[in-house]
């Protein structure tokens, strides 16, 4: 396990995607706008080096950042 580079909010977003939610559903769950979720996810991808949501979720699980 490595130290998580994500903020608490970014981890919540990744967890929501791991639950199989779409962007709109993540936004609704976390009381964000769709644009805010998309913007945050670009940052999350950059921090993790992943190319897409599947890669982000896989890395987060593998590294123990989410369950």
PDB file of N, CA and C in Angstrom:
ATOM      1  N   UNK A   1       0.838  -1.194   0.000  1.00  0.00           N
ATOM      2  CA  UNK A   1       0.000   0.000   0.000  1.00  0.00           C
ATOM      3  C   UNK A   1       0.873   1.244   0.000  1.00  0.00           C
ATOM      4  N   UNK A   2       0.431   2.213  -0.785  1.00  0.00           N
ATOM      5  CA  UNK A   2       1.142   3.481  -0.804  1.00  0.00           C
ATOM      6  C   UNK A   2       0.267   4.556  -0.167  1.00  0.00           C
ATOM      7  N   UNK A   3       0.897   5.650   0.192  1.00  0.00           N
ATOM      8  CA  UNK A   3       0.144   6.758   0.767  1.00  0.00           C
ATOM      9  C   UNK A   3      -0.801   7.317  -0.293  1.00  0.00           C
ATOM     10  N   UNK A   4      -2.011   7.574   0.102  1.00  0.00           N
ATOM     11  CA  UNK A   4      -3.028   8.052  -0.830  1.00  0.00           C
ATOM     12  C   UNK A   4      -2.777   9.515  -1.186  1.00  0.00           C
ATOM     13  N   UNK A   5      -2.636   9.813  -2.484  1.00  0.00           N
ATOM     14  CA  UNK A   5      -2.410  11.194  -2.901  1.00  0.00           C
ATOM     15  C   UNK A   5      -3.705  11.999  -3.046  1.00  0.00           C
ATOM     16  N   UNK A   6      -4.833  11.337  -2.823  1.00  0.00           N
ATOM     17  CA  UNK A   6      -6.130  11.971  -3.042  1.00  0.00           C
ATOM     18  C   UNK A   6      -6.657  12.633  -1.769  1.00  0.00           C
ATOM     19  N   UNK A   7      -7.413  13.707  -1.971  1.00  0.00           N
ATOM     20  CA  UNK A   7      -8.096  14.340  -0.847  1.00  0.00           C
ATOM     21  C   UNK A   7      -9.268  13.463  -0.424  1.00  0.00           C
ATOM     22  N   UNK A   8      -9.838  13.781   0.712  1.00  0.00           N
ATOM     23  CA  UNK A   8     -11.013  13.040   1.176  1.00  0.00           C
ATOM     24  C   UNK A   8     -12.133  13.099   0.140  1.00  0.00           C
ATOM     25  N   UNK A   9     -12.358  14.284  -0.411  1.00  0.00           N
ATOM     26  CA  UNK A   9     -13.434  14.448  -1.401  1.00  0.00           C
ATOM     27  C   UNK A   9     -13.142  13.648  -2.668  1.00  0.00           C
ATOM     28  N   UNK A  10     -11.897  13.669  -3.113  1.00  0.00           N
ATOM     29  CA  UNK A  10     -11.521  12.902  -4.302  1.00  0.00           C
ATOM     30  C   UNK A  10     -11.716  11.407  -4.052  1.00  0.00           C
ATOM     31  N   UNK A  11     -11.418  10.957  -2.837  1.00  0.00           N
ATOM     32  CA  UNK A  11     -11.619   9.552  -2.489  1.00  0.00           C
ATOM     33  C   UNK A  11     -13.106   9.207  -2.508  1.00  0.00           C
ATOM     34  N   UNK A  12     -13.947  10.128  -2.057  1.00  0.00           N
ATOM     35  CA  UNK A  12     -15.397   9.909  -2.110  1.00  0.00           C
ATOM     36  C   UNK A  12     -15.862   9.768  -3.556  1.00  0.00           C
ATOM     37  N   UNK A  13     -15.315  10.566  -4.440  1.00  0.00           N
ATOM     38  CA  UNK A  13     -15.682  10.497  -5.853  1.00  0.00           C
ATOM     39  C   UNK A  13     -15.270   9.150  -6.434  1.00  0.00           C
ATOM     40  N   UNK A  14     -14.044   8.736  -6.164  1.00  0.00           N
ATOM     41  CA  UNK A  14     -13.569   7.444  -6.670  1.00  0.00           C
ATOM     42  C   UNK A  14     -14.423   6.309  -6.112  1.00  0.00           C
ATOM     43  N   UNK A  15     -14.760   6.373  -4.843  1.00  0.00           N
ATOM     44  CA  UNK A  15     -15.602   5.341  -4.225  1.00  0.00           C
ATOM     45  C   UNK A  15     -16.971   5.268  -4.902  1.00  0.00           C
ATOM     46  N   UNK A  16     -17.521   6.423  -5.231  1.00  0.00           N
ATOM     47  CA  UNK A  16     -18.821   6.447  -5.905  1.00  0.00           C
ATOM     48  C   UNK A  16     -18.725   5.811  -7.291  1.00  0.00           C
ATOM     49  N   UNK A  17     -17.652   6.104  -8.025  1.00  0.00           N
ATOM     50  CA  UNK A  17     -17.456   5.451  -9.318  1.00  0.00           C
ATOM     51  C   UNK A  17     -17.262   3.954  -9.138  1.00  0.00           C
ATOM     52  N   UNK A  18     -16.578   3.553  -8.077  1.00  0.00           N
ATOM     53  CA  UNK A  18     -16.371   2.124  -7.792  1.00  0.00           C
ATOM     54  C   UNK A  18     -17.703   1.429  -7.517  1.00  0.00           C
ATOM     55  N   UNK A  19     -18.675   2.168  -7.012  1.00  0.00           N
ATOM     56  CA  UNK A  19     -20.012   1.621  -6.776  1.00  0.00           C
ATOM     57  C   UNK A  19     -20.809   1.489  -8.067  1.00  0.00           C
ATOM     58  N   UNK A  20     -20.212   1.912  -9.188  1.00  0.00           N
ATOM     59  CA  UNK A  20     -20.867   1.771 -10.485  1.00  0.00           C
ATOM     60  C   UNK A  20     -21.738   2.944 -10.898  1.00  0.00           C
ATOM     61  N   UNK A  21     -21.594   4.067 -10.196  1.00  0.00           N
ATOM     62  CA  UNK A  21     -22.415   5.227 -10.513  1.00  0.00           C
ATOM     63  C   UNK A  21     -21.875   5.971 -11.734  1.00  0.00           C
ATOM     64  N   UNK A  22     -22.775   6.607 -12.443  1.00  0.00           N
ATOM     65  CA  UNK A  22     -22.412   7.497 -13.537  1.00  0.00           C
ATOM     66  C   UNK A  22     -22.164   8.897 -12.981  1.00  0.00           C
ATOM     67  N   UNK A  23     -21.578   9.762 -13.775  1.00  0.00           N
ATOM     68  CA  UNK A  23     -21.208  11.103 -13.322  1.00  0.00           C
ATOM     69  C   UNK A  23     -22.373  11.835 -12.668  1.00  0.00           C
ATOM     70  N   UNK A  24     -23.524  11.829 -13.292  1.00  0.00           N
ATOM     71  CA  UNK A  24     -24.699  12.523 -12.749  1.00  0.00           C
ATOM     72  C   UNK A  24     -25.081  11.956 -11.383  1.00  0.00           C
ATOM     73  N   UNK A  25     -25.006  10.636 -11.251  1.00  0.00           N
ATOM     74  CA  UNK A  25     -25.349   9.995  -9.981  1.00  0.00           C
ATOM     75  C   UNK A  25     -24.326  10.322  -8.894  1.00  0.00           C
ATOM     76  N   UNK A  26     -23.047  10.384  -9.280  1.00  0.00           N
ATOM     77  CA  UNK A  26     -22.001  10.785  -8.334  1.00  0.00           C
ATOM     78  C   UNK A  26     -22.273  12.212  -7.868  1.00  0.00           C
ATOM     79  N   UNK A  27     -22.570  13.079  -8.809  1.00  0.00           N
ATOM     80  CA  UNK A  27     -22.858  14.478  -8.486  1.00  0.00           C
ATOM     81  C   UNK A  27     -24.037  14.579  -7.514  1.00  0.00           C
ATOM     82  N   UNK A  28     -25.090  13.840  -7.788  1.00  0.00           N
ATOM     83  CA  UNK A  28     -26.267  13.867  -6.908  1.00  0.00           C
ATOM     84  C   UNK A  28     -25.928  13.337  -5.517  1.00  0.00           C
ATOM     85  N   UNK A  29     -25.211  12.225  -5.454  1.00  0.00           N
ATOM     86  CA  UNK A  29     -24.864  11.607  -4.175  1.00  0.00           C
ATOM     87  C   UNK A  29     -24.020  12.550  -3.319  1.00  0.00           C
ATOM     88  N   UNK A  30     -23.071  13.218  -3.972  1.00  0.00           N
ATOM     89  CA  UNK A  30     -22.129  14.054  -3.232  1.00  0.00           C
ATOM     90  C   UNK A  30     -22.515  15.535  -3.217  1.00  0.00           C
ATOM     91  N   UNK A  31     -23.684  15.835  -3.757  1.00  0.00           N
ATOM     92  CA  UNK A  31     -24.199  17.205  -3.811  1.00  0.00           C
ATOM     93  C   UNK A  31     -23.207  18.146  -4.498  1.00  0.00           C
ATOM     94  N   UNK A  32     -22.839  17.716  -5.717  1.00  0.00           N
ATOM     95  CA  UNK A  32     -21.920  18.483  -6.556  1.00  0.00           C
ATOM     96  C   UNK A  32     -22.593  18.673  -7.905  1.00  0.00           C
ATOM     97  N   UNK A  33     -22.012  19.529  -8.726  1.00  0.00           N
ATOM     98  CA  UNK A  33     -22.478  19.635 -10.103  1.00  0.00           C
ATOM     99  C   UNK A  33     -21.741  18.599 -10.950  1.00  0.00           C
ATOM    100  N   UNK A  34     -22.315  18.279 -12.097  1.00  0.00           N
ATOM    101  CA  UNK A  34     -21.642  17.368 -13.031  1.00  0.00           C
ATOM    102  C   UNK A  34     -20.270  17.922 -13.419  1.00  0.00           C
ATOM    103  N   UNK A  35     -20.214  19.230 -13.654  1.00  0.00           N
ATOM    104  CA  UNK A  35     -18.948  19.846 -14.042  1.00  0.00           C
ATOM    105  C   UNK A  35     -17.900  19.737 -12.936  1.00  0.00           C
ATOM    106  N   UNK A  36     -18.321  19.875 -11.696  1.00  0.00           N
ATOM    107  CA  UNK A  36     -17.383  19.759 -10.576  1.00  0.00           C
ATOM    108  C   UNK A  36     -16.834  18.338 -10.482  1.00  0.00           C
ATOM    109  N   UNK A  37     -17.690  17.350 -10.706  1.00  0.00           N
ATOM    110  CA  UNK A  37     -17.240  15.951 -10.693  1.00  0.00           C
ATOM    111  C   UNK A  37     -16.241  15.724 -11.820  1.00  0.00           C
ATOM    112  N   UNK A  38     -16.576  16.202 -13.017  1.00  0.00           N
ATOM    113  CA  UNK A  38     -15.668  16.027 -14.158  1.00  0.00           C
ATOM    114  C   UNK A  38     -14.331  16.722 -13.925  1.00  0.00           C
ATOM    115  N   UNK A  39     -14.357  17.917 -13.383  1.00  0.00           N
ATOM    116  CA  UNK A  39     -13.115  18.652 -13.105  1.00  0.00           C
ATOM    117  C   UNK A  39     -12.283  17.926 -12.064  1.00  0.00           C
ATOM    118  N   UNK A  40     -12.921  17.464 -11.009  1.00  0.00           N
ATOM    119  CA  UNK A  40     -12.213  16.734  -9.964  1.00  0.00           C
ATOM    120  C   UNK A  40     -11.626  15.445 -10.528  1.00  0.00           C
ATOM    121  N   UNK A  41     -12.372  14.798 -11.418  1.00  0.00           N
ATOM    122  CA  UNK A  41     -11.890  13.532 -11.952  1.00  0.00           C
ATOM    123  C   UNK A  41     -10.668  13.709 -12.843  1.00  0.00           C
ATOM    124  N   UNK A  42     -10.584  14.826 -13.532  1.00  0.00           N
ATOM    125  CA  UNK A  42      -9.370  15.116 -14.318  1.00  0.00           C
ATOM    126  C   UNK A  42      -8.155  15.209 -13.395  1.00  0.00           C
ATOM    127  N   UNK A  43      -8.341  15.839 -12.261  1.00  0.00           N
ATOM    128  CA  UNK A  43      -7.261  15.955 -11.279  1.00  0.00           C
ATOM    129  C   UNK A  43      -6.924  14.584 -10.706  1.00  0.00           C
ATOM    130  N   UNK A  44      -7.949  13.797 -10.409  1.00  0.00           N
ATOM    131  CA  UNK A  44      -7.740  12.451  -9.877  1.00  0.00           C
ATOM    132  C   UNK A  44      -6.948  11.604 -10.874  1.00  0.00           C
ATOM    133  N   UNK A  45      -7.323  11.677 -12.140  1.00  0.00           N
ATOM    134  CA  UNK A  45      -6.593  10.918 -13.175  1.00  0.00           C
ATOM    135  C   UNK A  45      -5.135  11.341 -13.226  1.00  0.00           C
ATOM    136  N   UNK A  46      -4.892  12.623 -13.140  1.00  0.00           N
ATOM    137  CA  UNK A  46      -3.513  13.127 -13.175  1.00  0.00           C
ATOM    138  C   UNK A  46      -2.717  12.633 -11.959  1.00  0.00           C
ATOM    139  N   UNK A  47      -3.344  12.657 -10.789  1.00  0.00           N
ATOM    140  CA  UNK A  47      -2.659  12.219  -9.573  1.00  0.00           C
ATOM    141  C   UNK A  47      -2.349  10.730  -9.593  1.00  0.00           C
ATOM    142  N   UNK A  48      -3.219   9.943 -10.207  1.00  0.00           N
ATOM    143  CA  UNK A  48      -3.051   8.491 -10.190  1.00  0.00           C
ATOM    144  C   UNK A  48      -2.315   7.971 -11.420  1.00  0.00           C
ATOM    145  N   UNK A  49      -2.266   8.769 -12.466  1.00  0.00           N
ATOM    146  CA  UNK A  49      -1.640   8.319 -13.703  1.00  0.00           C
ATOM    147  C   UNK A  49      -2.521   7.384 -14.514  1.00  0.00           C
ATOM    148  N   UNK A  50      -3.786   7.278 -14.142  1.00  0.00           N
ATOM    149  CA  UNK A  50      -4.718   6.393 -14.843  1.00  0.00           C
ATOM    150  C   UNK A  50      -5.302   7.098 -16.066  1.00  0.00           C
ATOM    151  N   UNK A  51      -5.680   6.292 -17.053  1.00  0.00           N
ATOM    152  CA  UNK A  51      -6.222   6.848 -18.288  1.00  0.00           C
ATOM    153  C   UNK A  51      -7.737   7.011 -18.266  1.00  0.00           C
ATOM    154  N   UNK A  52      -8.415   6.256 -17.391  1.00  0.00           N
ATOM    155  CA  UNK A  52      -9.879   6.297 -17.368  1.00  0.00           C
ATOM    156  C   UNK A  52     -10.385   5.902 -15.977  1.00  0.00           C
ATOM    157  N   UNK A  53     -11.699   5.898 -15.825  1.00  0.00           N
ATOM    158  CA  UNK A  53     -12.297   5.607 -14.517  1.00  0.00           C
ATOM    159  C   UNK A  53     -11.962   4.206 -14.039  1.00  0.00           C
ATOM    160  N   UNK A  54     -11.952   3.244 -14.937  1.00  0.00           N
ATOM    161  CA  UNK A  54     -11.624   1.876 -14.554  1.00  0.00           C
ATOM    162  C   UNK A  54     -10.219   1.800 -13.973  1.00  0.00           C
ATOM    163  N   UNK A  55      -9.292   2.480 -14.617  1.00  0.00           N
ATOM    164  CA  UNK A  55      -7.918   2.501 -14.133  1.00  0.00           C
ATOM    165  C   UNK A  55      -7.789   3.166 -12.782  1.00  0.00           C
ATOM    166  N   UNK A  56      -8.514   4.243 -12.588  1.00  0.00           N
ATOM    167  CA  UNK A  56      -8.484   4.950 -11.295  1.00  0.00           C
ATOM    168  C   UNK A  56      -9.022   4.043 -10.193  1.00  0.00           C
ATOM    169  N   UNK A  57     -10.168   3.431 -10.436  1.00  0.00           N
ATOM    170  CA  UNK A  57     -10.777   2.561  -9.426  1.00  0.00           C
ATOM    171  C   UNK A  57      -9.869   1.369  -9.132  1.00  0.00           C
ATOM    172  N   UNK A  58      -9.318   0.755 -10.174  1.00  0.00           N
ATOM    173  CA  UNK A  58      -8.428  -0.397  -9.980  1.00  0.00           C
ATOM    174  C   UNK A  58      -7.218  -0.017  -9.133  1.00  0.00           C
ATOM    175  N   UNK A  59      -6.616   1.108  -9.438  1.00  0.00           N
ATOM    176  CA  UNK A  59      -5.439   1.543  -8.674  1.00  0.00           C
ATOM    177  C   UNK A  59      -5.821   1.846  -7.228  1.00  0.00           C
ATOM    178  N   UNK A  60      -6.955   2.515  -7.042  1.00  0.00           N
ATOM    179  CA  UNK A  60      -7.389   2.863  -5.684  1.00  0.00           C
ATOM    180  C   UNK A  60      -7.637   1.618  -4.843  1.00  0.00           C
ATOM    181  N   UNK A  61      -8.218   0.598  -5.430  1.00  0.00           N
ATOM    182  CA  UNK A  61      -8.454  -0.646  -4.714  1.00  0.00           C
ATOM    183  C   UNK A  61      -7.135  -1.363  -4.447  1.00  0.00           C
ATOM    184  N   UNK A  62      -6.314  -1.467  -5.478  1.00  0.00           N
ATOM    185  CA  UNK A  62      -5.023  -2.164  -5.369  1.00  0.00           C
ATOM    186  C   UNK A  62      -4.138  -1.530  -4.305  1.00  0.00           C
ATOM    187  N   UNK A  63      -4.156  -0.196  -4.228  1.00  0.00           N
ATOM    188  CA  UNK A  63      -3.314   0.516  -3.267  1.00  0.00           C
ATOM    189  C   UNK A  63      -3.947   0.657  -1.881  1.00  0.00           C
ATOM    190  N   UNK A  64      -5.206   0.209  -1.757  1.00  0.00           N
ATOM    191  CA  UNK A  64      -5.866   0.271  -0.453  1.00  0.00           C
ATOM    192  C   UNK A  64      -6.441   1.630  -0.109  1.00  0.00           C
ATOM    193  N   UNK A  65      -6.614   2.479  -1.106  1.00  0.00           N
ATOM    194  CA  UNK A  65      -7.164   3.807  -0.858  1.00  0.00           C
ATOM    195  C   UNK A  65      -8.660   3.765  -0.642  1.00  0.00           C
ATOM    196  N   UNK A  66      -9.327   2.770  -1.260  1.00  0.00           N
ATOM    197  CA  UNK A  66     -10.751   2.539  -1.070  1.00  0.00           C
ATOM    198  C   UNK A  66     -10.947   1.032  -0.888  1.00  0.00           C
ATOM    199  N   UNK A  67     -12.116   0.666  -0.404  1.00  0.00           N
ATOM    200  CA  UNK A  67     -12.422  -0.766  -0.222  1.00  0.00           C
ATOM    201  C   UNK A  67     -13.437  -1.222  -1.220  1.00  0.00           C
TER     202      UNK A  67
END
